[in-house]
N, C-alpha and C. Protein backbone atom coordinates (compact mmCIF):
# COMPACT_ATOMS: atom_id res chain seq x y z
N UNK A 1 1.43 -6.69 4.02
CA UNK A 1 2.09 -6.57 2.73
C UNK A 1 1.28 -7.36 1.71
N UNK A 2 1.21 -6.83 0.51
CA UNK A 2 0.47 -7.50 -0.56
C UNK A 2 1.27 -8.70 -1.06
N UNK A 3 0.57 -9.74 -1.41
CA UNK A 3 1.23 -10.94 -1.91
C UNK A 3 1.75 -10.71 -3.33
N UNK A 4 2.90 -11.29 -3.62
CA UNK A 4 3.49 -11.15 -4.95
C UNK A 4 2.56 -11.75 -5.99
N UNK A 5 2.43 -11.02 -7.10
CA UNK A 5 1.62 -11.52 -8.20
C UNK A 5 0.13 -11.28 -8.05
N UNK A 6 -0.30 -10.57 -7.02
CA UNK A 6 -1.72 -10.31 -6.86
C UNK A 6 -2.00 -8.84 -7.16
N UNK A 7 -3.20 -8.58 -7.63
CA UNK A 7 -3.64 -7.21 -7.89
C UNK A 7 -4.89 -6.97 -7.06
N UNK A 8 -4.86 -5.86 -6.30
CA UNK A 8 -6.02 -5.54 -5.48
C UNK A 8 -6.05 -4.03 -5.29
N UNK A 9 -7.19 -3.44 -5.53
CA UNK A 9 -7.34 -2.00 -5.32
C UNK A 9 -7.64 -1.74 -3.85
N UNK A 10 -7.02 -0.70 -3.31
CA UNK A 10 -7.23 -0.34 -1.91
C UNK A 10 -7.20 1.18 -1.78
N UNK A 11 -7.88 1.70 -0.79
CA UNK A 11 -7.78 3.12 -0.47
C UNK A 11 -6.56 3.27 0.43
N UNK A 12 -5.55 3.97 -0.08
CA UNK A 12 -4.24 4.04 0.57
C UNK A 12 -4.33 4.43 2.04
N UNK A 13 -5.02 5.52 2.34
CA UNK A 13 -5.08 6.01 3.72
C UNK A 13 -5.77 5.03 4.66
N UNK A 14 -6.59 4.14 4.14
CA UNK A 14 -7.29 3.16 4.99
C UNK A 14 -6.45 1.92 5.29
N UNK A 15 -5.28 1.82 4.67
CA UNK A 15 -4.45 0.63 4.84
C UNK A 15 -3.60 0.65 6.11
N UNK A 16 -3.58 1.79 6.82
CA UNK A 16 -2.85 1.91 8.08
C UNK A 16 -3.70 2.75 9.02
N UNK A 17 -3.78 2.34 10.29
CA UNK A 17 -4.67 3.00 11.25
C UNK A 17 -3.87 3.80 12.28
N UNK A 18 -4.46 4.89 12.74
CA UNK A 18 -3.87 5.66 13.82
C UNK A 18 -3.92 4.86 15.12
N UNK A 19 -2.93 5.09 15.97
CA UNK A 19 -2.90 4.50 17.31
C UNK A 19 -2.44 5.60 18.26
N UNK A 20 -3.18 5.79 19.36
CA UNK A 20 -2.86 6.84 20.31
C UNK A 20 -1.41 6.73 20.79
N UNK A 21 -0.69 7.87 20.74
CA UNK A 21 0.66 7.94 21.26
C UNK A 21 1.70 7.13 20.51
N UNK A 22 1.44 6.82 19.24
CA UNK A 22 2.35 5.92 18.52
C UNK A 22 2.53 6.31 17.06
N UNK A 23 3.56 5.72 16.47
CA UNK A 23 3.78 5.73 15.03
C UNK A 23 3.56 4.30 14.57
N UNK A 24 2.66 4.11 13.62
CA UNK A 24 2.34 2.78 13.10
C UNK A 24 2.84 2.71 11.65
N UNK A 25 3.46 1.60 11.28
CA UNK A 25 3.90 1.44 9.90
C UNK A 25 3.38 0.12 9.33
N UNK A 26 3.23 0.12 8.01
CA UNK A 26 2.79 -1.08 7.30
C UNK A 26 3.50 -1.14 5.96
N UNK A 27 4.21 -2.21 5.72
CA UNK A 27 4.91 -2.41 4.45
C UNK A 27 3.89 -2.80 3.39
N UNK A 28 3.95 -2.13 2.24
CA UNK A 28 3.04 -2.43 1.13
C UNK A 28 3.78 -3.24 0.07
N UNK A 29 4.97 -2.79 -0.28
CA UNK A 29 5.82 -3.49 -1.25
C UNK A 29 7.26 -3.46 -0.75
N UNK A 30 7.97 -4.54 -0.99
CA UNK A 30 9.36 -4.59 -0.59
C UNK A 30 10.11 -5.40 -1.65
N UNK A 31 11.15 -4.77 -2.21
CA UNK A 31 11.90 -5.47 -3.24
C UNK A 31 13.34 -5.01 -3.28
N UNK A 32 14.10 -5.62 -4.16
CA UNK A 32 15.53 -5.31 -4.26
C UNK A 32 15.78 -3.88 -4.71
N UNK A 33 14.85 -3.30 -5.47
CA UNK A 33 15.07 -1.95 -6.00
C UNK A 33 14.37 -0.86 -5.19
N UNK A 34 13.63 -1.24 -4.17
CA UNK A 34 12.98 -0.23 -3.34
C UNK A 34 11.82 -0.81 -2.56
N UNK A 35 11.19 0.07 -1.78
CA UNK A 35 10.03 -0.37 -1.01
C UNK A 35 9.05 0.77 -0.81
N UNK A 36 7.83 0.41 -0.47
CA UNK A 36 6.76 1.35 -0.19
C UNK A 36 6.20 1.00 1.19
N UNK A 37 6.18 2.00 2.08
CA UNK A 37 5.71 1.80 3.44
C UNK A 37 4.72 2.90 3.80
N UNK A 38 3.63 2.52 4.44
CA UNK A 38 2.65 3.48 4.94
C UNK A 38 2.90 3.72 6.42
N UNK A 39 2.70 4.96 6.85
CA UNK A 39 2.87 5.34 8.25
C UNK A 39 1.65 6.13 8.72
N UNK A 40 1.28 5.94 9.99
CA UNK A 40 0.27 6.76 10.64
C UNK A 40 0.88 7.28 11.94
N UNK A 41 0.97 8.59 12.08
CA UNK A 41 1.57 9.25 13.25
C UNK A 41 0.47 9.89 14.08
N UNK A 42 0.46 9.63 15.37
CA UNK A 42 -0.42 10.38 16.26
C UNK A 42 0.18 11.78 16.42
N UNK A 43 -0.64 12.75 16.77
CA UNK A 43 -0.17 14.13 16.95
C UNK A 43 1.00 14.17 17.93
N UNK A 44 2.05 14.90 17.56
CA UNK A 44 3.21 15.05 18.42
C UNK A 44 4.26 13.96 18.28
N UNK A 45 3.93 12.88 17.60
CA UNK A 45 4.90 11.80 17.42
C UNK A 45 5.91 12.19 16.34
N UNK A 46 7.08 11.57 16.40
CA UNK A 46 8.11 11.93 15.43
C UNK A 46 9.09 10.81 15.18
N UNK A 47 9.80 10.94 14.08
CA UNK A 47 10.98 10.13 13.79
C UNK A 47 12.14 11.09 13.90
N UNK A 48 13.09 10.81 14.78
CA UNK A 48 14.21 11.71 15.01
C UNK A 48 15.11 11.78 13.78
N UNK A 49 15.94 12.79 13.77
CA UNK A 49 16.81 13.03 12.62
C UNK A 49 17.69 11.81 12.33
N UNK A 50 17.75 11.45 11.05
CA UNK A 50 18.56 10.33 10.60
C UNK A 50 18.87 10.53 9.12
N UNK A 51 19.71 9.68 8.56
CA UNK A 51 19.99 9.72 7.13
C UNK A 51 19.68 8.36 6.53
N UNK A 52 19.50 8.35 5.23
CA UNK A 52 19.27 7.11 4.49
C UNK A 52 20.15 7.16 3.24
N UNK A 53 20.63 6.01 2.79
CA UNK A 53 21.54 6.00 1.64
C UNK A 53 20.85 6.13 0.28
N UNK A 54 19.51 6.26 0.29
CA UNK A 54 18.74 6.31 -0.96
C UNK A 54 17.77 7.48 -0.94
N UNK A 55 17.42 7.97 -2.13
CA UNK A 55 16.37 8.98 -2.23
C UNK A 55 15.06 8.37 -1.76
N UNK A 56 14.22 9.22 -1.16
CA UNK A 56 12.90 8.77 -0.71
C UNK A 56 11.87 9.83 -1.05
N UNK A 57 10.70 9.38 -1.43
CA UNK A 57 9.58 10.25 -1.74
C UNK A 57 8.53 10.08 -0.65
N UNK A 58 8.13 11.19 -0.02
CA UNK A 58 7.08 11.16 0.99
C UNK A 58 5.85 11.83 0.41
N UNK A 59 4.72 11.13 0.45
CA UNK A 59 3.43 11.71 0.06
C UNK A 59 2.54 11.71 1.29
N UNK A 60 2.12 12.90 1.71
CA UNK A 60 1.22 13.01 2.86
C UNK A 60 -0.19 12.71 2.38
N UNK A 61 -0.83 11.74 3.02
CA UNK A 61 -2.16 11.29 2.62
C UNK A 61 -3.27 11.99 3.39
N UNK A 62 -2.97 12.37 4.64
CA UNK A 62 -3.99 12.92 5.53
C UNK A 62 -3.28 13.67 6.64
N UNK A 63 -3.86 14.76 7.13
CA UNK A 63 -3.32 15.45 8.28
C UNK A 63 -2.22 16.44 7.93
N UNK A 64 -1.33 16.70 8.90
CA UNK A 64 -0.30 17.72 8.73
C UNK A 64 1.00 17.31 9.41
N UNK A 65 2.12 17.50 8.70
CA UNK A 65 3.43 17.12 9.20
C UNK A 65 4.45 18.21 8.94
N UNK A 66 5.51 18.17 9.74
CA UNK A 66 6.68 18.99 9.46
C UNK A 66 7.83 18.03 9.18
N UNK A 67 8.40 18.16 7.99
CA UNK A 67 9.53 17.33 7.60
C UNK A 67 10.72 18.27 7.44
N UNK A 68 11.76 18.00 8.22
CA UNK A 68 12.96 18.82 8.19
C UNK A 68 14.04 18.07 7.42
N UNK A 69 14.59 18.74 6.41
CA UNK A 69 15.64 18.14 5.59
C UNK A 69 16.85 19.07 5.64
N UNK A 70 17.96 18.55 6.12
CA UNK A 70 19.21 19.32 6.24
C UNK A 70 18.96 20.64 6.96
N UNK A 71 18.17 20.58 8.04
CA UNK A 71 17.92 21.75 8.87
C UNK A 71 16.82 22.67 8.38
N UNK A 72 16.23 22.42 7.20
CA UNK A 72 15.17 23.27 6.66
C UNK A 72 13.80 22.61 6.86
N UNK A 73 12.92 23.23 7.66
CA UNK A 73 11.60 22.65 7.89
C UNK A 73 10.65 22.90 6.72
N UNK A 74 9.82 21.88 6.45
CA UNK A 74 8.81 21.96 5.40
C UNK A 74 7.49 21.51 6.01
N UNK A 75 6.45 22.32 5.89
CA UNK A 75 5.12 21.98 6.41
C UNK A 75 4.32 21.37 5.27
N UNK A 76 3.83 20.15 5.48
CA UNK A 76 3.07 19.45 4.45
C UNK A 76 1.70 19.04 4.98
N UNK A 77 0.72 19.03 4.08
CA UNK A 77 -0.65 18.60 4.40
C UNK A 77 -1.07 17.54 3.38
N UNK A 78 -2.20 16.92 3.64
CA UNK A 78 -2.72 15.89 2.75
C UNK A 78 -2.67 16.32 1.29
N UNK A 79 -2.10 15.49 0.44
CA UNK A 79 -1.97 15.78 -0.98
C UNK A 79 -0.60 16.31 -1.36
N UNK A 80 0.20 16.74 -0.37
CA UNK A 80 1.55 17.27 -0.64
C UNK A 80 2.56 16.13 -0.71
N UNK A 81 3.67 16.39 -1.42
CA UNK A 81 4.76 15.43 -1.43
C UNK A 81 6.09 16.16 -1.41
N UNK A 82 7.12 15.44 -0.99
CA UNK A 82 8.47 16.00 -0.93
C UNK A 82 9.47 14.87 -1.16
N UNK A 83 10.59 15.22 -1.79
CA UNK A 83 11.68 14.27 -1.98
C UNK A 83 12.71 14.52 -0.88
N UNK A 84 13.11 13.45 -0.23
CA UNK A 84 14.19 13.52 0.76
C UNK A 84 15.43 12.92 0.08
N UNK A 85 16.39 13.77 -0.28
CA UNK A 85 17.57 13.28 -1.00
C UNK A 85 18.42 12.33 -0.16
N UNK A 86 19.06 11.41 -0.83
CA UNK A 86 19.94 10.45 -0.17
C UNK A 86 21.03 11.17 0.62
N UNK A 87 21.38 10.60 1.75
CA UNK A 87 22.50 11.05 2.58
C UNK A 87 22.35 12.45 3.17
N UNK A 88 21.13 12.99 3.18
CA UNK A 88 20.87 14.29 3.82
C UNK A 88 20.04 14.03 5.06
N UNK A 89 20.42 14.58 6.20
CA UNK A 89 19.67 14.31 7.43
C UNK A 89 18.24 14.83 7.32
N UNK A 90 17.32 14.03 7.84
CA UNK A 90 15.91 14.43 7.82
C UNK A 90 15.21 13.90 9.07
N UNK A 91 14.12 14.57 9.42
CA UNK A 91 13.30 14.19 10.57
C UNK A 91 11.84 14.44 10.20
N UNK A 92 10.94 13.72 10.86
CA UNK A 92 9.51 13.83 10.58
C UNK A 92 8.78 14.03 11.91
N UNK A 93 7.89 15.03 11.94
CA UNK A 93 7.11 15.32 13.16
C UNK A 93 5.66 15.56 12.78
N UNK A 94 4.76 14.96 13.54
CA UNK A 94 3.33 15.14 13.31
C UNK A 94 2.85 16.42 13.99
N UNK A 95 2.51 17.43 13.19
CA UNK A 95 1.92 18.66 13.71
C UNK A 95 0.52 18.33 14.23
N UNK A 96 -0.19 17.53 13.46
CA UNK A 96 -1.48 16.93 13.83
C UNK A 96 -1.38 15.48 13.38
N UNK A 97 -2.33 14.66 13.77
CA UNK A 97 -2.31 13.28 13.26
C UNK A 97 -2.12 13.33 11.75
N UNK A 98 -1.26 12.45 11.25
CA UNK A 98 -1.12 12.41 9.79
C UNK A 98 -0.68 11.02 9.33
N UNK A 99 -0.97 10.77 8.05
CA UNK A 99 -0.56 9.52 7.40
C UNK A 99 0.28 9.88 6.20
N UNK A 100 1.28 9.04 5.94
CA UNK A 100 2.13 9.26 4.78
C UNK A 100 2.50 7.94 4.13
N UNK A 101 2.84 8.05 2.84
CA UNK A 101 3.38 6.92 2.10
C UNK A 101 4.83 7.25 1.77
N UNK A 102 5.73 6.37 2.16
CA UNK A 102 7.17 6.54 1.92
C UNK A 102 7.59 5.55 0.82
N UNK A 103 8.13 6.10 -0.26
CA UNK A 103 8.65 5.27 -1.34
C UNK A 103 10.15 5.48 -1.39
N UNK A 104 10.91 4.42 -1.12
CA UNK A 104 12.36 4.49 -1.14
C UNK A 104 12.87 3.77 -2.39
N UNK A 105 13.71 4.48 -3.14
CA UNK A 105 14.26 3.94 -4.37
C UNK A 105 15.73 3.64 -4.16
N UNK A 106 16.10 2.39 -4.32
CA UNK A 106 17.51 2.00 -4.20
C UNK A 106 18.15 2.05 -5.58
N UNK A 107 19.19 2.86 -5.70
CA UNK A 107 19.89 2.94 -7.00
C UNK A 107 21.35 3.28 -6.79
């Protein structure tokens, strides 16, 4: 996580590394109004269906994922983004290795 009050440029996709057979996460920012977390998924890895009380924005940085929201699958590749609305069930699956940035807004 970046230290409060510091400014540093970084290449987003390089801030989290792939690990065989795993999902890796790294917190970038965390605050009272929201947080930003980077994820790296190995191929076939997933986050099972769950809900969150806040809207979340997913930006795929690299690779390919399937994100299912309220039963509707969405195929995303590097450069794509999708909003996951609050209180709607969603799941994430790596079609191929992929990295994403998750921005959760608490409101």
